[in-house]
Amino acid sequence: MEWKLFADLAEIAGDRVVAVDAEPGDTVGDALDALLDAHPDLRDRVLEDGTVADHINVLRNGRSVRHDDGLDATLEAGDELALFPPVSGGLADR
């Protein structure tokens, strides 16, 4: 399974796409644990008090896992996983 990482998360992990040891039947949480085990520097950025920080978006197939079964959602073949930090900015009115 692969994670797509964005913004500073990709910088911390050293790549935008990171393969982890997770497969269909595992949970999103298992895949996240595998990511954080492989890239421990991400742990402080992603977790807060042992759970995913409110400002970190965990997506499965483009949809926040908060809308489904959360980290307990079961992975299926072909699932796309992504982590997004808060996004801000854009063009200011002039």
N, C-alpha and C. Protein backbone atom coordinates (compact mmCIF):
# COMPACT_ATOMS: atom_id res chain seq x y z
N MET A 1 0.86 -1.16 0.00
CA MET A 1 0.00 0.00 0.00
C MET A 1 0.91 1.23 0.00
N GLU A 2 0.41 2.32 -0.55
CA GLU A 2 1.19 3.55 -0.60
C GLU A 2 0.42 4.71 0.03
N TRP A 3 1.18 5.59 0.63
CA TRP A 3 0.66 6.85 1.14
C TRP A 3 1.13 7.97 0.23
N LYS A 4 0.26 8.89 -0.08
CA LYS A 4 0.64 10.13 -0.76
C LYS A 4 0.71 11.19 0.33
N LEU A 5 1.83 11.86 0.39
CA LEU A 5 2.06 12.87 1.42
C LEU A 5 2.16 14.25 0.78
N PHE A 6 1.69 15.25 1.46
CA PHE A 6 1.66 16.59 0.90
C PHE A 6 2.33 17.59 1.83
N ALA A 7 2.80 18.68 1.22
CA ALA A 7 3.43 19.80 1.91
C ALA A 7 4.58 19.33 2.80
N ASP A 8 4.63 19.81 4.04
CA ASP A 8 5.77 19.49 4.90
C ASP A 8 5.83 18.02 5.27
N LEU A 9 4.72 17.29 5.18
CA LEU A 9 4.75 15.85 5.48
C LEU A 9 5.64 15.12 4.47
N ALA A 10 5.56 15.51 3.21
CA ALA A 10 6.42 14.91 2.18
C ALA A 10 7.88 15.28 2.43
N GLU A 11 8.11 16.51 2.85
CA GLU A 11 9.48 16.94 3.16
C GLU A 11 10.06 16.14 4.31
N ILE A 12 9.27 15.94 5.35
CA ILE A 12 9.75 15.19 6.52
C ILE A 12 10.06 13.75 6.15
N ALA A 13 9.19 13.13 5.34
CA ALA A 13 9.39 11.72 4.96
C ALA A 13 10.43 11.56 3.86
N GLY A 14 10.74 12.65 3.15
CA GLY A 14 11.72 12.58 2.08
C GLY A 14 11.16 12.16 0.74
N ASP A 15 9.84 12.06 0.63
CA ASP A 15 9.22 11.69 -0.64
C ASP A 15 7.73 11.98 -0.56
N ARG A 16 7.11 12.17 -1.72
CA ARG A 16 5.66 12.42 -1.78
C ARG A 16 4.86 11.13 -1.77
N VAL A 17 5.49 10.02 -2.18
CA VAL A 17 4.81 8.72 -2.19
C VAL A 17 5.66 7.74 -1.39
N VAL A 18 5.05 7.12 -0.40
CA VAL A 18 5.77 6.22 0.50
C VAL A 18 5.03 4.89 0.56
N ALA A 19 5.71 3.82 0.18
CA ALA A 19 5.14 2.48 0.27
C ALA A 19 5.28 1.97 1.70
N VAL A 20 4.24 1.29 2.19
CA VAL A 20 4.26 0.72 3.53
C VAL A 20 3.81 -0.73 3.48
N ASP A 21 4.13 -1.44 4.54
CA ASP A 21 3.78 -2.85 4.64
C ASP A 21 2.35 -2.98 5.18
N ALA A 22 1.39 -2.78 4.29
CA ALA A 22 -0.03 -2.94 4.62
C ALA A 22 -0.69 -3.49 3.36
N GLU A 23 -1.74 -4.26 3.57
CA GLU A 23 -2.39 -4.91 2.44
C GLU A 23 -3.90 -4.96 2.66
N PRO A 24 -4.66 -5.33 1.63
CA PRO A 24 -6.10 -5.45 1.79
C PRO A 24 -6.42 -6.34 2.99
N GLY A 25 -7.41 -5.90 3.76
CA GLY A 25 -7.78 -6.59 4.99
C GLY A 25 -7.24 -5.91 6.23
N ASP A 26 -6.12 -5.19 6.08
CA ASP A 26 -5.61 -4.37 7.17
C ASP A 26 -6.50 -3.13 7.28
N THR A 27 -6.27 -2.33 8.30
CA THR A 27 -7.05 -1.10 8.46
C THR A 27 -6.22 0.12 8.05
N VAL A 28 -6.91 1.22 7.88
CA VAL A 28 -6.21 2.48 7.61
C VAL A 28 -5.25 2.77 8.76
N GLY A 29 -5.66 2.48 9.98
CA GLY A 29 -4.79 2.67 11.15
C GLY A 29 -3.54 1.82 11.07
N ASP A 30 -3.67 0.57 10.59
CA ASP A 30 -2.49 -0.28 10.41
C ASP A 30 -1.52 0.35 9.42
N ALA A 31 -2.07 0.87 8.32
CA ALA A 31 -1.23 1.49 7.30
C ALA A 31 -0.58 2.76 7.84
N LEU A 32 -1.31 3.51 8.66
CA LEU A 32 -0.73 4.72 9.27
C LEU A 32 0.37 4.34 10.24
N ASP A 33 0.15 3.32 11.04
CA ASP A 33 1.19 2.85 11.96
C ASP A 33 2.45 2.44 11.20
N ALA A 34 2.26 1.75 10.08
CA ALA A 34 3.41 1.32 9.26
C ALA A 34 4.15 2.53 8.72
N LEU A 35 3.42 3.57 8.31
CA LEU A 35 4.05 4.79 7.82
C LEU A 35 4.86 5.46 8.93
N LEU A 36 4.26 5.58 10.11
CA LEU A 36 4.94 6.26 11.21
C LEU A 36 6.10 5.44 11.76
N ASP A 37 6.01 4.12 11.67
CA ASP A 37 7.15 3.27 12.07
C ASP A 37 8.31 3.45 11.10
N ALA A 38 7.99 3.55 9.81
CA ALA A 38 9.04 3.70 8.79
C ALA A 38 9.62 5.11 8.78
N HIS A 39 8.83 6.09 9.20
CA HIS A 39 9.26 7.50 9.19
C HIS A 39 8.90 8.13 10.54
N PRO A 40 9.63 7.78 11.59
CA PRO A 40 9.28 8.25 12.93
C PRO A 40 9.26 9.77 13.08
N ASP A 41 9.97 10.49 12.22
CA ASP A 41 9.94 11.95 12.31
C ASP A 41 8.55 12.52 12.02
N LEU A 42 7.70 11.74 11.33
CA LEU A 42 6.34 12.18 11.05
C LEU A 42 5.44 12.10 12.28
N ARG A 43 5.81 11.24 13.22
CA ARG A 43 4.94 10.96 14.36
C ARG A 43 4.53 12.24 15.10
N ASP A 44 5.49 13.11 15.43
CA ASP A 44 5.17 14.33 16.17
C ASP A 44 4.32 15.30 15.36
N ARG A 45 4.42 15.23 14.05
CA ARG A 45 3.66 16.14 13.18
C ARG A 45 2.22 15.65 12.98
N VAL A 46 2.04 14.32 12.97
CA VAL A 46 0.75 13.72 12.65
C VAL A 46 -0.08 13.42 13.89
N LEU A 47 0.57 12.98 14.95
CA LEU A 47 -0.16 12.57 16.15
C LEU A 47 -0.14 13.65 17.23
N GLU A 48 -1.22 13.67 18.00
CA GLU A 48 -1.31 14.56 19.15
C GLU A 48 -1.97 13.74 20.26
N ASP A 49 -1.28 13.56 21.36
CA ASP A 49 -1.78 12.74 22.47
C ASP A 49 -2.16 11.33 22.02
N GLY A 50 -1.37 10.78 21.09
CA GLY A 50 -1.56 9.40 20.66
C GLY A 50 -2.60 9.18 19.59
N THR A 51 -3.29 10.23 19.17
CA THR A 51 -4.27 10.10 18.09
C THR A 51 -3.94 11.09 16.98
N VAL A 52 -4.56 10.89 15.83
CA VAL A 52 -4.30 11.79 14.71
C VAL A 52 -4.77 13.19 15.10
N ALA A 53 -3.89 14.15 14.93
CA ALA A 53 -4.21 15.53 15.27
C ALA A 53 -5.39 16.02 14.45
N ASP A 54 -6.22 16.87 15.05
CA ASP A 54 -7.41 17.38 14.38
C ASP A 54 -7.09 18.09 13.07
N HIS A 55 -5.92 18.70 12.99
CA HIS A 55 -5.57 19.46 11.80
C HIS A 55 -4.95 18.61 10.68
N ILE A 56 -4.79 17.32 10.90
CA ILE A 56 -4.26 16.43 9.87
C ILE A 56 -5.42 15.68 9.23
N ASN A 57 -5.48 15.72 7.91
CA ASN A 57 -6.53 15.03 7.17
C ASN A 57 -6.01 13.70 6.66
N VAL A 58 -6.70 12.62 7.03
CA VAL A 58 -6.38 11.28 6.56
C VAL A 58 -7.44 10.92 5.52
N LEU A 59 -7.00 10.70 4.29
CA LEU A 59 -7.94 10.40 3.21
C LEU A 59 -7.76 8.98 2.71
N ARG A 60 -8.87 8.36 2.40
CA ARG A 60 -8.89 7.06 1.71
C ARG A 60 -9.75 7.25 0.48
N ASN A 61 -9.13 7.08 -0.67
CA ASN A 61 -9.82 7.26 -1.95
C ASN A 61 -10.44 8.66 -2.06
N GLY A 62 -9.68 9.66 -1.59
CA GLY A 62 -10.09 11.05 -1.72
C GLY A 62 -11.13 11.52 -0.72
N ARG A 63 -11.49 10.69 0.22
CA ARG A 63 -12.52 11.03 1.21
C ARG A 63 -11.94 10.90 2.61
N SER A 64 -12.24 11.88 3.44
CA SER A 64 -11.75 11.85 4.82
C SER A 64 -12.26 10.60 5.52
N VAL A 65 -11.38 9.92 6.22
CA VAL A 65 -11.81 8.72 6.95
C VAL A 65 -12.71 9.09 8.12
N ARG A 66 -12.74 10.36 8.50
CA ARG A 66 -13.64 10.80 9.57
C ARG A 66 -15.10 10.62 9.18
N HIS A 67 -15.38 10.57 7.87
CA HIS A 67 -16.75 10.40 7.39
C HIS A 67 -17.16 8.93 7.31
N ASP A 68 -16.23 8.05 7.45
CA ASP A 68 -16.52 6.61 7.32
C ASP A 68 -16.22 5.93 8.66
N ASP A 69 -15.42 4.89 8.63
CA ASP A 69 -15.10 4.14 9.85
C ASP A 69 -13.82 4.62 10.51
N GLY A 70 -13.33 5.78 10.14
CA GLY A 70 -12.12 6.30 10.73
C GLY A 70 -10.93 5.41 10.43
N LEU A 71 -10.03 5.32 11.37
CA LEU A 71 -8.83 4.51 11.18
C LEU A 71 -9.13 3.03 11.20
N ASP A 72 -10.36 2.65 11.57
CA ASP A 72 -10.77 1.24 11.58
C ASP A 72 -11.27 0.78 10.22
N ALA A 73 -11.34 1.67 9.25
CA ALA A 73 -11.80 1.29 7.91
C ALA A 73 -10.87 0.22 7.33
N THR A 74 -11.46 -0.79 6.76
CA THR A 74 -10.69 -1.90 6.19
C THR A 74 -10.22 -1.53 4.79
N LEU A 75 -8.94 -1.77 4.55
CA LEU A 75 -8.35 -1.48 3.24
C LEU A 75 -8.78 -2.52 2.22
N GLU A 76 -8.97 -2.04 0.99
CA GLU A 76 -9.27 -2.91 -0.13
C GLU A 76 -8.21 -2.69 -1.20
N ALA A 77 -8.06 -3.66 -2.09
CA ALA A 77 -7.08 -3.54 -3.17
C ALA A 77 -7.36 -2.27 -3.97
N GLY A 78 -6.32 -1.53 -4.28
CA GLY A 78 -6.45 -0.32 -5.08
C GLY A 78 -6.77 0.93 -4.29
N ASP A 79 -6.94 0.83 -2.98
CA ASP A 79 -7.21 2.02 -2.18
C ASP A 79 -6.05 3.00 -2.30
N GLU A 80 -6.39 4.29 -2.30
CA GLU A 80 -5.39 5.35 -2.29
C GLU A 80 -5.46 6.05 -0.94
N LEU A 81 -4.34 6.12 -0.28
CA LEU A 81 -4.24 6.77 1.03
C LEU A 81 -3.46 8.06 0.90
N ALA A 82 -3.89 9.08 1.64
CA ALA A 82 -3.19 10.36 1.59
C ALA A 82 -3.26 11.05 2.95
N LEU A 83 -2.21 11.82 3.23
CA LEU A 83 -2.15 12.66 4.44
C LEU A 83 -1.95 14.10 4.01
N PHE A 84 -2.82 14.97 4.51
CA PHE A 84 -2.74 16.40 4.23
C PHE A 84 -2.61 17.17 5.53
N PRO A 85 -1.62 18.05 5.61
CA PRO A 85 -1.59 18.97 6.75
C PRO A 85 -2.56 20.11 6.46
N PRO A 86 -2.73 21.04 7.39
CA PRO A 86 -3.60 22.19 7.12
C PRO A 86 -3.10 22.94 5.89
N VAL A 87 -4.02 23.40 5.12
CA VAL A 87 -3.67 24.16 3.91
C VAL A 87 -4.21 25.56 4.08
N SER A 88 -3.35 26.52 3.79
CA SER A 88 -3.79 27.91 3.85
C SER A 88 -3.08 28.67 2.77
N GLY A 89 -3.48 29.88 2.62
CA GLY A 89 -2.82 30.73 1.64
C GLY A 89 -3.72 31.00 0.46
N GLY A 90 -3.09 31.32 -0.64
CA GLY A 90 -3.83 31.71 -1.83
C GLY A 90 -3.51 33.16 -2.13
N LEU A 91 -4.19 33.68 -3.09
CA LEU A 91 -3.94 35.05 -3.49
C LEU A 91 -4.75 36.00 -2.62
N ALA A 92 -4.09 36.98 -2.13
CA ALA A 92 -4.77 37.99 -1.31
C ALA A 92 -5.40 39.03 -2.23
N ASP A 93 -6.52 39.58 -1.81
CA ASP A 93 -7.13 40.67 -2.57
C ASP A 93 -6.20 41.86 -2.51
N ARG A 94 -6.08 42.53 -3.61
CA ARG A 94 -5.17 43.69 -3.66
C ARG A 94 -5.92 44.93 -3.88
